[in-house]
């Protein structure tokens, strides 16, 4: 009977240890996935800001060109 309990407790300990490893791996995966999503959103926002600056520059250049063309 003592051996039964000894084996049962050992099995529970191993099971708890394995579950802890699974939980930790899932937590790390979720943390990395959220980091990737944040990084992707930051790059997207940076590209959008760069696009808006380029469009504003193009508009200003077009206005200068049109003004110079009217003077000639």
Protein backbone atom coordinates (compact mmCIF):
# COMPACT_ATOMS: atom_id res chain seq x y z
CA UNK A 1 0.00 0.00 0.00
CA UNK A 2 2.85 2.40 0.83
CA UNK A 3 4.44 1.71 -2.55
CA UNK A 4 1.14 2.58 -4.26
CA UNK A 5 1.04 6.03 -2.61
CA UNK A 6 4.72 6.59 -3.26
CA UNK A 7 4.22 5.85 -6.96
CA UNK A 8 1.05 7.96 -7.11
CA UNK A 9 2.78 10.99 -5.59
CA UNK A 10 5.76 10.58 -7.89
CA UNK A 11 3.43 10.43 -10.89
CA UNK A 12 1.55 13.53 -9.72
CA UNK A 13 4.85 15.37 -9.23
CA UNK A 14 6.03 14.44 -12.74
CA UNK A 15 2.66 15.43 -14.20
CA UNK A 16 2.70 18.80 -12.43
CA UNK A 17 6.26 19.41 -13.61
CA UNK A 18 5.31 18.59 -17.20
CA UNK A 19 2.22 20.84 -16.99
CA UNK A 20 4.40 23.67 -15.68
CA UNK A 21 6.73 23.24 -18.68
CA UNK A 22 3.74 23.33 -21.06
CA UNK A 23 2.31 26.44 -19.40
CA UNK A 24 5.67 28.19 -19.50
CA UNK A 25 6.16 27.36 -23.20
CA UNK A 26 2.65 28.62 -24.03
CA UNK A 27 3.31 31.84 -22.10
CA UNK A 28 6.62 32.43 -23.90
CA UNK A 29 4.96 31.77 -27.28
CA UNK A 30 2.17 34.25 -26.53
CA UNK A 31 4.69 36.84 -25.39
CA UNK A 32 6.72 36.47 -28.59
CA UNK A 33 3.63 36.54 -30.79
CA UNK A 34 2.44 39.77 -29.21
CA UNK A 35 5.92 41.26 -29.62
CA UNK A 36 5.84 40.38 -33.31
CA UNK A 37 2.41 41.99 -33.69
CA UNK A 38 3.58 45.17 -31.97
CA UNK A 39 6.69 45.29 -34.12
CA UNK A 40 4.65 44.77 -37.28
CA UNK A 41 2.25 47.59 -36.32
CA UNK A 42 5.16 49.94 -35.59
CA UNK A 43 6.70 49.25 -39.00
CA UNK A 44 3.32 49.82 -40.63
CA UNK A 45 2.88 53.15 -38.83
CA UNK A 46 6.41 54.21 -39.80
CA UNK A 47 5.75 53.38 -43.45
CA UNK A 48 2.47 55.33 -43.36
CA UNK A 49 4.25 58.37 -41.88
CA UNK A 50 6.94 58.09 -44.57
CA UNK A 51 4.27 57.89 -47.29
CA UNK A 52 2.46 60.97 -45.98
CA UNK A 53 5.74 62.94 -45.94
CA UNK A 54 6.51 61.89 -49.53
CA UNK A 55 3.02 62.87 -50.69
CA UNK A 56 3.32 66.28 -49.00
CA UNK A 57 6.72 66.80 -50.65
CA UNK A 58 5.28 65.83 -54.04
CA UNK A 59 2.38 68.25 -53.60
CA UNK A 60 4.73 71.11 -52.68
CA UNK A 61 6.94 70.38 -55.67
CA UNK A 62 3.93 70.26 -58.00
CA UNK A 63 2.73 73.63 -56.71
CA UNK A 64 6.19 75.17 -57.29
CA UNK A 65 6.28 73.69 -60.79
CA UNK A 66 2.81 75.03 -61.64
CA UNK A 67 3.70 78.49 -60.31
CA UNK A 68 6.92 78.58 -62.34
CA UNK A 69 5.08 77.41 -65.44
CA UNK A 70 2.49 80.23 -65.12
CA UNK A 71 5.22 82.88 -64.89
CA UNK A 72 6.76 81.80 -68.17
